[in-house]
C-alpha atoms as a PDB file:
ATOM      1  CA  MET A   1     -17.133 -20.832 -15.259  1.00  0.00           C
ATOM      2  CA  SER A   2     -15.423 -17.955 -13.423  1.00  0.00           C
ATOM      3  CA  ARG A   3     -15.525 -17.977  -9.662  1.00  0.00           C
ATOM      4  CA  GLN A   4     -16.604 -14.786  -7.898  1.00  0.00           C
ATOM      5  CA  LYS A   5     -14.177 -13.530  -5.266  1.00  0.00           C
ATOM      6  CA  THR A   6     -15.508 -12.960  -1.800  1.00  0.00           C
ATOM      7  CA  ASN A   7     -15.092  -9.592  -0.115  1.00  0.00           C
ATOM      8  CA  LYS A   8     -12.277 -10.978   2.061  1.00  0.00           C
ATOM      9  CA  GLU A   9     -10.352 -12.247  -0.983  1.00  0.00           C
ATOM     10  CA  LYS A  10     -10.724  -8.844  -2.665  1.00  0.00           C
ATOM     11  CA  LEU A  11      -9.279  -7.135   0.404  1.00  0.00           C
ATOM     12  CA  TYR A  12      -6.200  -9.380   0.332  1.00  0.00           C
ATOM     13  CA  ASP A  13      -5.560  -8.313  -3.289  1.00  0.00           C
ATOM     14  CA  ILE A  14      -5.649  -4.584  -2.514  1.00  0.00           C
ATOM     15  CA  ILE A  15      -2.250  -4.304  -0.788  1.00  0.00           C
ATOM     16  CA  LYS A  16       0.484  -5.209  -3.273  1.00  0.00           C
ATOM     17  CA  LYS A  17       3.671  -4.534  -1.294  1.00  0.00           C
ATOM     18  CA  PRO A  18       5.149  -2.206   1.321  1.00  0.00           C
ATOM     19  CA  ILE A  19       7.236   0.710   0.076  1.00  0.00           C
ATOM     20  CA  ILE A  20      10.568   0.684   1.913  1.00  0.00           C
ATOM     21  CA  THR A  21      12.444   3.976   1.554  1.00  0.00           C
ATOM     22  CA  GLU A  22      14.370   6.156   3.954  1.00  0.00           C
ATOM     23  CA  LYS A  23      11.454   8.595   4.200  1.00  0.00           C
ATOM     24  CA  SER A  24       8.862   5.857   4.801  1.00  0.00           C
ATOM     25  CA  MET A  25      11.040   4.222   7.485  1.00  0.00           C
ATOM     26  CA  MET A  26      11.318   7.532   9.369  1.00  0.00           C
ATOM     27  CA  ALA A  27       7.507   7.821   9.280  1.00  0.00           C
ATOM     28  CA  THR A  28       7.125   4.466  11.053  1.00  0.00           C
ATOM     29  CA  ALA A  29       8.096   6.238  14.290  1.00  0.00           C
ATOM     30  CA  LEU A  30       4.836   8.186  13.921  1.00  0.00           C
ATOM     31  CA  GLY A  31       2.844   5.016  13.196  1.00  0.00           C
ATOM     32  CA  GLN A  32       2.622   5.708   9.431  1.00  0.00           C
ATOM     33  CA  TYR A  33       3.224   2.894   6.952  1.00  0.00           C
ATOM     34  CA  THR A  34       3.408   3.179   3.154  1.00  0.00           C
ATOM     35  CA  PHE A  35       2.003   0.517   0.810  1.00  0.00           C
ATOM     36  CA  GLU A  36       1.616   0.160  -2.925  1.00  0.00           C
ATOM     37  CA  VAL A  37      -2.082  -0.548  -3.465  1.00  0.00           C
ATOM     38  CA  ASP A  38      -4.492  -1.363  -6.279  1.00  0.00           C
ATOM     39  CA  LYS A  39      -5.249   1.704  -8.432  1.00  0.00           C
ATOM     40  CA  ASN A  40      -9.019   1.261  -8.072  1.00  0.00           C
ATOM     41  CA  ALA A  41      -9.026   0.824  -4.271  1.00  0.00           C
ATOM     42  CA  THR A  42     -10.821   3.368  -2.108  1.00  0.00           C
ATOM     43  CA  LYS A  43      -9.598   4.659   1.242  1.00  0.00           C
ATOM     44  CA  VAL A  44     -12.211   2.609   3.097  1.00  0.00           C
ATOM     45  CA  GLU A  45     -11.149  -0.596   1.301  1.00  0.00           C
ATOM     46  CA  ILE A  46      -7.473   0.149   2.020  1.00  0.00           C
ATOM     47  CA  ALA A  47      -8.242   0.612   5.731  1.00  0.00           C
ATOM     48  CA  GLN A  48     -10.177  -2.668   5.836  1.00  0.00           C
ATOM     49  CA  ALA A  49      -7.357  -4.482   4.009  1.00  0.00           C
ATOM     50  CA  VAL A  50      -4.699  -3.234   6.445  1.00  0.00           C
ATOM     51  CA  GLU A  51      -6.822  -4.222   9.465  1.00  0.00           C
ATOM     52  CA  LEU A  52      -7.346  -7.662   7.908  1.00  0.00           C
ATOM     53  CA  ALA A  53      -3.679  -8.173   7.018  1.00  0.00           C
ATOM     54  CA  PHE A  54      -2.405  -6.994  10.409  1.00  0.00           C
ATOM     55  CA  PRO A  55      -4.907  -8.121  13.067  1.00  0.00           C
ATOM     56  CA  GLY A  56      -5.055  -6.149  16.288  1.00  0.00           C
ATOM     57  CA  ARG A  57      -4.252  -2.838  14.580  1.00  0.00           C
ATOM     58  CA  LYS A  58      -6.773  -0.021  14.149  1.00  0.00           C
ATOM     59  CA  VAL A  59      -6.392   2.290  11.144  1.00  0.00           C
ATOM     60  CA  LYS A  60      -6.677   5.924  12.137  1.00  0.00           C
ATOM     61  CA  LYS A  61      -6.158   7.656   8.763  1.00  0.00           C
ATOM     62  CA  VAL A  62      -5.488   6.784   5.114  1.00  0.00           C
ATOM     63  CA  ARG A  63      -3.906   9.149   2.604  1.00  0.00           C
ATOM     64  CA  THR A  64      -3.524   8.133  -1.046  1.00  0.00           C
ATOM     65  CA  VAL A  65      -1.221   9.384  -3.784  1.00  0.00           C
ATOM     66  CA  TYR A  66      -1.535   8.567  -7.494  1.00  0.00           C
ATOM     67  CA  MET A  67       1.893   7.959  -9.019  1.00  0.00           C
ATOM     68  CA  PRO A  68       1.731   8.623 -12.786  1.00  0.00           C
ATOM     69  CA  SER A  69       3.912   6.764 -15.256  1.00  0.00           C
ATOM     70  CA  HIS A  70       6.978   8.502 -16.576  1.00  0.00           C
ATOM     71  CA  GLU A  71       9.376   8.039 -19.461  1.00  0.00           C
ATOM     72  CA  LYS A  72      12.467   5.965 -18.816  1.00  0.00           C
ATOM     73  CA  ARG A  73      15.461   5.345 -21.023  1.00  0.00           C
ATOM     74  CA  MET A  74      17.423   2.113 -21.279  1.00  0.00           C
ATOM     75  CA  GLY A  75      20.326   2.698 -23.658  1.00  0.00           C
ATOM     76  CA  LEU A  76      18.879   3.892 -26.958  1.00  0.00           C
ATOM     77  CA  LYS A  77      15.366   2.686 -26.250  1.00  0.00           C
ATOM     78  CA  PHE A  78      12.649   4.684 -24.503  1.00  0.00           C
ATOM     79  CA  GLY A  79       9.796   3.220 -22.531  1.00  0.00           C
ATOM     80  CA  ARG A  80       7.315   4.096 -19.811  1.00  0.00           C
ATOM     81  CA  THR A  81       7.033   2.877 -16.247  1.00  0.00           C
ATOM     82  CA  ASP A  82       3.694   1.643 -14.904  1.00  0.00           C
ATOM     83  CA  SER A  83       1.467   4.082 -13.079  1.00  0.00           C
ATOM     84  CA  SER A  84       0.540   3.089  -9.550  1.00  0.00           C
ATOM     85  CA  LYS A  85      -1.127   4.239  -6.347  1.00  0.00           C
ATOM     86  CA  LYS A  86       0.388   4.360  -2.898  1.00  0.00           C
ATOM     87  CA  ALA A  87      -1.314   4.702   0.445  1.00  0.00           C
ATOM     88  CA  ILE A  88       0.118   6.196   3.621  1.00  0.00           C
ATOM     89  CA  VAL A  89      -1.721   4.494   6.475  1.00  0.00           C
ATOM     90  CA  THR A  90      -1.634   5.819  10.046  1.00  0.00           C
ATOM     91  CA  VAL A  91      -2.070   3.002  12.561  1.00  0.00           C
ATOM     92  CA  GLU A  92      -2.858   3.484  16.237  1.00  0.00           C
ATOM     93  CA  GLY A  93      -1.758   0.974  18.813  1.00  0.00           C
ATOM     94  CA  ASP A  94       1.136  -1.437  18.465  1.00  0.00           C
ATOM     95  CA  PRO A  95       3.625  -0.873  15.616  1.00  0.00           C
ATOM     96  CA  ILE A  96       3.717  -3.342  12.732  1.00  0.00           C
ATOM     97  CA  GLU A  97       6.867  -5.372  13.443  1.00  0.00           C
ATOM     98  CA  GLU A  98       6.848  -7.215  10.109  1.00  0.00           C
ATOM     99  CA  LEU A  99       7.692  -4.004   8.218  1.00  0.00           C
ATOM    100  CA  THR A 100      10.182  -2.535  10.675  1.00  0.00           C
ATOM    101  CA  ALA A 101      12.205  -5.769  10.726  1.00  0.00           C
ATOM    102  CA  ILE A 102      13.005  -5.554   6.992  1.00  0.00           C
END
């Protein structure tokens, strides 16, 4: 018998990992953090997931970008990368120290 996930468990599965690039680290000064998220997640669910994962923070704005797959070559073989979705989340209040310490 399959067990149904609660709403809180679903929110924990939405955020996959933070995206750490030079551009995303410069945006942290403005309170913007970039995460790879589930492709089916809505902006409201992403905001709830960030507020749940980082208590004490209030999400001000969520922007999402769909990242399509593209062809990649490894030697003589061709393949495709996975498509994904990333979210740029603007947080008001204290900065998220866990991401800036990486």
